[in-house]
PDB file of all heavy atoms in Angstrom:
ATOM      1  N   ILE A   1      94.167 -25.771  28.468  1.00  0.00           N
ATOM      2  CA  ILE A   1      95.423 -25.022  28.476  1.00  0.00           C
ATOM      3  C   ILE A   1      95.281 -23.854  29.445  1.00  0.00           C
ATOM      4  O   ILE A   1      94.384 -23.030  29.306  1.00  0.00           O
ATOM      5  CB  ILE A   1      95.755 -24.488  27.078  1.00  0.00           C
ATOM      6  CG1 ILE A   1      95.882 -25.644  26.081  1.00  0.00           C
ATOM      7  CG2 ILE A   1      97.026 -23.649  27.099  1.00  0.00           C
ATOM      8  CD1 ILE A   1      95.968 -25.188  24.638  1.00  0.00           C
ATOM      9  N   ASN A   2      96.159 -23.784  30.418  1.00  0.00           N
ATOM     10  CA  ASN A   2      96.131 -22.665  31.365  1.00  0.00           C
ATOM     11  C   ASN A   2      96.843 -21.458  30.761  1.00  0.00           C
ATOM     12  O   ASN A   2      97.973 -21.561  30.282  1.00  0.00           O
ATOM     13  CB  ASN A   2      96.794 -23.053  32.687  1.00  0.00           C
ATOM     14  CG  ASN A   2      96.769 -21.911  33.693  1.00  0.00           C
ATOM     15  OD1 ASN A   2      97.772 -21.279  33.941  1.00  0.00           O
ATOM     16  ND2 ASN A   2      95.601 -21.656  34.244  1.00  0.00           N
ATOM     17  N   LEU A   3      96.166 -20.301  30.754  1.00  0.00           N
ATOM     18  CA  LEU A   3      96.752 -19.076  30.207  1.00  0.00           C
ATOM     19  C   LEU A   3      97.428 -18.242  31.285  1.00  0.00           C
ATOM     20  O   LEU A   3      98.457 -17.624  31.041  1.00  0.00           O
ATOM     21  CB  LEU A   3      95.672 -18.251  29.500  1.00  0.00           C
ATOM     22  CG  LEU A   3      94.984 -18.916  28.307  1.00  0.00           C
ATOM     23  CD1 LEU A   3      93.952 -17.980  27.696  1.00  0.00           C
ATOM     24  CD2 LEU A   3      95.998 -19.359  27.254  1.00  0.00           C
ATOM     25  N   THR A   4      96.816 -18.178  32.471  1.00  0.00           N
ATOM     26  CA  THR A   4      97.410 -17.432  33.579  1.00  0.00           C
ATOM     27  C   THR A   4      96.676 -17.756  34.875  1.00  0.00           C
ATOM     28  O   THR A   4      95.471 -18.045  34.856  1.00  0.00           O
ATOM     29  CB  THR A   4      97.361 -15.913  33.335  1.00  0.00           C
ATOM     30  OG1 THR A   4      98.014 -15.232  34.423  1.00  0.00           O
ATOM     31  CG2 THR A   4      95.943 -15.398  33.233  1.00  0.00           C
ATOM     32  N   THR A   5      97.410 -17.687  35.977  1.00  0.00           N
ATOM     33  CA  THR A   5      96.793 -17.757  37.303  1.00  0.00           C
ATOM     34  C   THR A   5      96.617 -16.357  37.877  1.00  0.00           C
ATOM     35  O   THR A   5      96.014 -16.186  38.928  1.00  0.00           O
ATOM     36  CB  THR A   5      97.665 -18.594  38.262  1.00  0.00           C
ATOM     37  OG1 THR A   5      98.975 -18.001  38.344  1.00  0.00           O
ATOM     38  CG2 THR A   5      97.795 -20.024  37.771  1.00  0.00           C
ATOM     39  N   ASN A   6      97.141 -15.361  37.173  1.00  0.00           N
ATOM     40  CA  ASN A   6      97.098 -13.967  37.629  1.00  0.00           C
ATOM     41  C   ASN A   6      95.794 -13.305  37.195  1.00  0.00           C
ATOM     42  O   ASN A   6      95.767 -12.446  36.316  1.00  0.00           O
ATOM     43  CB  ASN A   6      98.301 -13.207  37.081  1.00  0.00           C
ATOM     44  CG  ASN A   6      98.374 -11.783  37.590  1.00  0.00           C
ATOM     45  OD1 ASN A   6      97.792 -11.441  38.618  1.00  0.00           O
ATOM     46  ND2 ASN A   6      99.089 -10.935  36.858  1.00  0.00           N
ATOM     47  N   ILE A   7      94.703 -13.738  37.791  1.00  0.00           N
ATOM     48  CA  ILE A   7      93.386 -13.196  37.442  1.00  0.00           C
ATOM     49  C   ILE A   7      92.496 -13.212  38.670  1.00  0.00           C
ATOM     50  O   ILE A   7      92.480 -14.175  39.435  1.00  0.00           O
ATOM     51  CB  ILE A   7      92.738 -14.003  36.287  1.00  0.00           C
ATOM     52  CG1 ILE A   7      91.332 -13.478  35.974  1.00  0.00           C
ATOM     53  CG2 ILE A   7      92.735 -15.487  36.580  1.00  0.00           C
ATOM     54  CD1 ILE A   7      90.694 -14.126  34.747  1.00  0.00           C
ATOM     55  N   GLN A   8      91.790 -12.110  38.874  1.00  0.00           N
ATOM     56  CA  GLN A   8      90.834 -12.003  39.976  1.00  0.00           C
ATOM     57  C   GLN A   8      89.502 -11.556  39.410  1.00  0.00           C
ATOM     58  O   GLN A   8      89.397 -10.468  38.858  1.00  0.00           O
ATOM     59  CB  GLN A   8      91.317 -10.999  41.029  1.00  0.00           C
ATOM     60  CG  GLN A   8      90.368 -10.875  42.220  1.00  0.00           C
ATOM     61  CD  GLN A   8      90.830  -9.840  43.226  1.00  0.00           C
ATOM     62  OE1 GLN A   8      91.860  -9.173  43.022  1.00  0.00           O
ATOM     63  NE2 GLN A   8      90.098  -9.671  44.311  1.00  0.00           N
ATOM     64  N   PRO A   9      88.455 -12.389  39.514  1.00  0.00           N
ATOM     65  CA  PRO A   9      87.148 -11.986  38.975  1.00  0.00           C
ATOM     66  C   PRO A   9      86.559 -10.831  39.772  1.00  0.00           C
ATOM     67  O   PRO A   9      86.973 -10.579  40.907  1.00  0.00           O
ATOM     68  CB  PRO A   9      86.307 -13.264  39.122  1.00  0.00           C
ATOM     69  CG  PRO A   9      86.953 -14.015  40.227  1.00  0.00           C
ATOM     70  CD  PRO A   9      88.420 -13.726  40.130  1.00  0.00           C
ATOM     71  N   PRO A  10      85.607 -10.115  39.190  1.00  0.00           N
ATOM     72  CA  PRO A  10      84.971  -9.014  39.921  1.00  0.00           C
ATOM     73  C   PRO A  10      84.107  -9.538  41.051  1.00  0.00           C
ATOM     74  O   PRO A  10      83.682 -10.697  41.055  1.00  0.00           O
ATOM     75  CB  PRO A  10      84.130  -8.320  38.849  1.00  0.00           C
ATOM     76  CG  PRO A  10      83.844  -9.392  37.853  1.00  0.00           C
ATOM     77  CD  PRO A  10      85.051 -10.280  37.839  1.00  0.00           C
ATOM     78  N   MET A  11      83.845  -8.674  42.024  1.00  0.00           N
ATOM     79  CA  MET A  11      82.925  -9.038  43.093  1.00  0.00           C
ATOM     80  C   MET A  11      81.532  -9.209  42.506  1.00  0.00           C
ATOM     81  O   MET A  11      81.111  -8.436  41.643  1.00  0.00           O
ATOM     82  CB  MET A  11      82.906  -7.946  44.169  1.00  0.00           C
ATOM     83  CG  MET A  11      84.217  -7.770  44.904  1.00  0.00           C
ATOM     84  SD  MET A  11      84.122  -6.473  46.142  1.00  0.00           S
ATOM     85  CE  MET A  11      82.887  -7.174  47.254  1.00  0.00           C
ATOM     86  N   ALA A  12      80.800 -10.241  42.961  1.00  0.00           N
ATOM     87  CA  ALA A  12      79.440 -10.491  42.488  1.00  0.00           C
ATOM     88  C   ALA A  12      79.386 -10.508  40.968  1.00  0.00           C
ATOM     89  O   ALA A  12      78.626  -9.787  40.337  1.00  0.00           O
ATOM     90  CB  ALA A  12      78.483  -9.436  43.048  1.00  0.00           C
ATOM     91  N   ALA A  13      80.208 -11.357  40.376  1.00  0.00           N
ATOM     92  CA  ALA A  13      80.388 -11.342  38.923  1.00  0.00           C
ATOM     93  C   ALA A  13      79.145 -11.789  38.171  1.00  0.00           C
ATOM     94  O   ALA A  13      78.576 -12.825  38.473  1.00  0.00           O
ATOM     95  CB  ALA A  13      81.553 -12.246  38.551  1.00  0.00           C
ATOM     96  N   PRO A  14      78.719 -11.029  37.159  1.00  0.00           N
ATOM     97  CA  PRO A  14      77.659 -11.471  36.259  1.00  0.00           C
ATOM     98  C   PRO A  14      78.234 -12.399  35.201  1.00  0.00           C
ATOM     99  O   PRO A  14      79.399 -12.792  35.263  1.00  0.00           O
ATOM    100  CB  PRO A  14      77.166 -10.164  35.643  1.00  0.00           C
ATOM    101  CG  PRO A  14      78.411  -9.328  35.606  1.00  0.00           C
ATOM    102  CD  PRO A  14      79.200  -9.696  36.835  1.00  0.00           C
ATOM    103  N   SER A  15      77.426 -12.715  34.207  1.00  0.00           N
ATOM    104  CA  SER A  15      77.869 -13.652  33.171  1.00  0.00           C
ATOM    105  C   SER A  15      78.823 -13.029  32.157  1.00  0.00           C
ATOM    106  O   SER A  15      79.479 -13.749  31.410  1.00  0.00           O
ATOM    107  CB  SER A  15      76.649 -14.208  32.423  1.00  0.00           C
ATOM    108  OG  SER A  15      75.805 -14.911  33.300  1.00  0.00           O
ATOM    109  N   THR A  16      78.910 -11.708  32.118  1.00  0.00           N
ATOM    110  CA  THR A  16      79.600 -11.047  31.015  1.00  0.00           C
ATOM    111  C   THR A  16      80.838 -10.287  31.474  1.00  0.00           C
ATOM    112  O   THR A  16      81.079  -9.163  31.041  1.00  0.00           O
ATOM    113  CB  THR A  16      78.636 -10.090  30.298  1.00  0.00           C
ATOM    114  OG1 THR A  16      78.023  -9.235  31.278  1.00  0.00           O
ATOM    115  CG2 THR A  16      77.572 -10.864  29.554  1.00  0.00           C
ATOM    116  N   TRP A  17      81.648 -10.897  32.323  1.00  0.00           N
ATOM    117  CA  TRP A  17      82.849 -10.191  32.784  1.00  0.00           C
ATOM    118  C   TRP A  17      84.095 -10.575  31.994  1.00  0.00           C
ATOM    119  O   TRP A  17      85.181 -10.088  32.276  1.00  0.00           O
ATOM    120  CB  TRP A  17      83.069 -10.403  34.277  1.00  0.00           C
ATOM    121  CG  TRP A  17      83.309 -11.806  34.746  1.00  0.00           C
ATOM    122  CD1 TRP A  17      82.367 -12.743  35.038  1.00  0.00           C
ATOM    123  CD2 TRP A  17      84.579 -12.417  35.015  1.00  0.00           C
ATOM    124  NE1 TRP A  17      82.955 -13.901  35.461  1.00  0.00           N
ATOM    125  CE2 TRP A  17      84.320 -13.731  35.466  1.00  0.00           C
ATOM    126  CE3 TRP A  17      85.892 -11.993  34.922  1.00  0.00           C
ATOM    127  CZ2 TRP A  17      85.334 -14.622  35.812  1.00  0.00           C
ATOM    128  CZ3 TRP A  17      86.911 -12.878  35.268  1.00  0.00           C
ATOM    129  CH2 TRP A  17      86.625 -14.170  35.712  1.00  0.00           C
ATOM    130  N   MET A  18      83.923 -11.427  30.970  1.00  0.00           N
ATOM    131  CA  MET A  18      85.018 -11.796  30.085  1.00  0.00           C
ATOM    132  C   MET A  18      84.615 -11.569  28.640  1.00  0.00           C
ATOM    133  O   MET A  18      83.446 -11.702  28.289  1.00  0.00           O
ATOM    134  CB  MET A  18      85.398 -13.270  30.279  1.00  0.00           C
ATOM    135  CG  MET A  18      86.019 -13.593  31.609  1.00  0.00           C
ATOM    136  SD  MET A  18      86.232 -15.389  31.820  1.00  0.00           S
ATOM    137  CE  MET A  18      87.224 -15.775  30.374  1.00  0.00           C
ATOM    138  N   ALA A  19      85.596 -11.248  27.767  1.00  0.00           N
ATOM    139  CA  ALA A  19      85.356 -11.080  26.331  1.00  0.00           C
ATOM    140  C   ALA A  19      86.619 -11.487  25.594  1.00  0.00           C
ATOM    141  O   ALA A  19      87.713 -11.537  26.176  1.00  0.00           O
ATOM    142  CB  ALA A  19      84.986  -9.634  26.009  1.00  0.00           C
ATOM    143  N   VAL A  20      86.484 -11.760  24.302  1.00  0.00           N
ATOM    144  CA  VAL A  20      87.630 -12.192  23.509  1.00  0.00           C
ATOM    145  C   VAL A  20      87.522 -11.615  22.107  1.00  0.00           C
ATOM    146  O   VAL A  20      86.426 -11.415  21.575  1.00  0.00           O
ATOM    147  CB  VAL A  20      87.703 -13.747  23.467  1.00  0.00           C
ATOM    148  CG1 VAL A  20      86.508 -14.337  22.750  1.00  0.00           C
ATOM    149  CG2 VAL A  20      89.001 -14.226  22.823  1.00  0.00           C
ATOM    150  N   ASP A  21      88.670 -11.295  21.503  1.00  0.00           N
ATOM    151  CA  ASP A  21      88.726 -10.940  20.083  1.00  0.00           C
ATOM    152  C   ASP A  21      89.713 -11.879  19.397  1.00  0.00           C
ATOM    153  O   ASP A  21      90.044 -12.939  19.941  1.00  0.00           O
ATOM    154  CB  ASP A  21      89.066  -9.458  19.877  1.00  0.00           C
ATOM    155  CG  ASP A  21      90.440  -9.063  20.413  1.00  0.00           C
ATOM    156  OD1 ASP A  21      91.275  -9.951  20.695  1.00  0.00           O
ATOM    157  OD2 ASP A  21      90.702  -7.852  20.546  1.00  0.00           O
ATOM    158  N   SER A  22      90.203 -11.537  18.239  1.00  0.00           N
ATOM    159  CA  SER A  22      91.067 -12.447  17.498  1.00  0.00           C
ATOM    160  C   SER A  22      92.450 -12.606  18.115  1.00  0.00           C
ATOM    161  O   SER A  22      93.195 -13.517  17.747  1.00  0.00           O
ATOM    162  CB  SER A  22      91.211 -11.959  16.056  1.00  0.00           C
ATOM    163  OG  SER A  22      91.808 -10.668  16.026  1.00  0.00           O
ATOM    164  N   SER A  23      92.790 -11.732  19.063  1.00  0.00           N
ATOM    165  CA  SER A  23      94.150 -11.761  19.617  1.00  0.00           C
ATOM    166  C   SER A  23      94.220 -11.965  21.124  1.00  0.00           C
ATOM    167  O   SER A  23      95.187 -12.557  21.619  1.00  0.00           O
ATOM    168  CB  SER A  23      94.875 -10.442  19.283  1.00  0.00           C
ATOM    169  OG  SER A  23      94.931 -10.219  17.896  1.00  0.00           O
ATOM    170  N   ASN A  24      93.227 -11.463  21.862  1.00  0.00           N
ATOM    171  CA  ASN A  24      93.339 -11.406  23.314  1.00  0.00           C
ATOM    172  C   ASN A  24      92.043 -11.778  24.020  1.00  0.00           C
ATOM    173  O   ASN A  24      90.953 -11.658  23.451  1.00  0.00           O
ATOM    174  CB  ASN A  24      93.738  -9.989  23.756  1.00  0.00           C
ATOM    175  CG  ASN A  24      95.072  -9.554  23.206  1.00  0.00           C
ATOM    176  OD1 ASN A  24      96.121 -10.043  23.619  1.00  0.00           O
ATOM    177  ND2 ASN A  24      95.039  -8.626  22.250  1.00  0.00           N
ATOM    178  N   VAL A  25      92.200 -12.183  25.274  1.00  0.00           N
ATOM    179  CA  VAL A  25      91.083 -12.331  26.196  1.00  0.00           C
ATOM    180  C   VAL A  25      91.118 -11.136  27.140  1.00  0.00           C
ATOM    181  O   VAL A  25      92.199 -10.746  27.625  1.00  0.00           O
ATOM    182  CB  VAL A  25      91.181 -13.627  27.027  1.00  0.00           C
ATOM    183  CG1 VAL A  25      89.912 -13.823  27.850  1.00  0.00           C
ATOM    184  CG2 VAL A  25      91.424 -14.823  26.138  1.00  0.00           C
ATOM    185  N   TYR A  26      89.957 -10.541  27.403  1.00  0.00           N
ATOM    186  CA  TYR A  26      89.851  -9.363  28.260  1.00  0.00           C
ATOM    187  C   TYR A  26      88.912  -9.685  29.420  1.00  0.00           C
ATOM    188  O   TYR A  26      87.980 -10.472  29.279  1.00  0.00           O
ATOM    189  CB  TYR A  26      89.278  -8.180  27.480  1.00  0.00           C
ATOM    190  CG  TYR A  26      90.027  -7.856  26.207  1.00  0.00           C
ATOM    191  CD1 TYR A  26      89.772  -8.563  25.023  1.00  0.00           C
ATOM    192  CD2 TYR A  26      90.972  -6.838  26.168  1.00  0.00           C
ATOM    193  CE1 TYR A  26      90.451  -8.267  23.854  1.00  0.00           C
ATOM    194  CE2 TYR A  26      91.655  -6.535  24.998  1.00  0.00           C
ATOM    195  CZ  TYR A  26      91.386  -7.261  23.841  1.00  0.00           C
ATOM    196  OH  TYR A  26      92.059  -6.963  22.689  1.00  0.00           O
ATOM    197  N   TRP A  27      89.135  -9.025  30.551  1.00  0.00           N
ATOM    198  CA  TRP A  27      88.209  -9.204  31.671  1.00  0.00           C
ATOM    199  C   TRP A  27      88.259  -7.997  32.596  1.00  0.00           C
ATOM    200  O   TRP A  27      89.212  -7.228  32.611  1.00  0.00           O
ATOM    201  CB  TRP A  27      88.545 -10.476  32.457  1.00  0.00           C
ATOM    202  CG  TRP A  27      89.876 -10.496  33.147  1.00  0.00           C
ATOM    203  CD1 TRP A  27      90.155 -10.102  34.432  1.00  0.00           C
ATOM    204  CD2 TRP A  27      91.126 -10.939  32.587  1.00  0.00           C
ATOM    205  NE1 TRP A  27      91.489 -10.279  34.698  1.00  0.00           N
ATOM    206  CE2 TRP A  27      92.108 -10.805  33.612  1.00  0.00           C
ATOM    207  CE3 TRP A  27      91.507 -11.464  31.353  1.00  0.00           C
ATOM    208  CZ2 TRP A  27      93.438 -11.145  33.409  1.00  0.00           C
ATOM    209  CZ3 TRP A  27      92.830 -11.806  31.147  1.00  0.00           C
ATOM    210  CH2 TRP A  27      93.780 -11.661  32.163  1.00  0.00           C
ATOM    211  N   VAL A  28      87.168  -7.816  33.330  1.00  0.00           N
ATOM    212  CA  VAL A  28      87.139  -6.876  34.441  1.00  0.00           C
ATOM    213  C   VAL A  28      87.267  -7.690  35.713  1.00  0.00           C
ATOM    214  O   VAL A  28      86.821  -8.838  35.788  1.00  0.00           O
ATOM    215  CB  VAL A  28      85.851  -6.033  34.474  1.00  0.00           C
ATOM    216  CG1 VAL A  28      85.814  -5.059  33.322  1.00  0.00           C
ATOM    217  CG2 VAL A  28      84.604  -6.912  34.482  1.00  0.00           C
ATOM    218  N   GLY A  29      87.866  -7.103  36.738  1.00  0.00           N
ATOM    219  CA  GLY A  29      88.049  -7.855  37.970  1.00  0.00           C
ATOM    220  C   GLY A  29      88.510  -6.971  39.097  1.00  0.00           C
ATOM    221  O   GLY A  29      88.602  -5.749  38.965  1.00  0.00           O
ATOM    222  N   GLY A  30      88.791  -7.618  40.222  1.00  0.00           N
ATOM    223  CA  GLY A  30      89.291  -6.900  41.375  1.00  0.00           C
ATOM    224  C   GLY A  30      88.204  -6.557  42.368  1.00  0.00           C
ATOM    225  O   GLY A  30      87.015  -6.703  42.110  1.00  0.00           O
TER     226      GLY A  30
END
């Protein structure tokens, strides 16, 4: 299921640039 195409990962992304809780997915990027 696609949630959004409006996402840009961080430069030189490590393994932990995304997180989730019971309601939302969070990320750092740009």
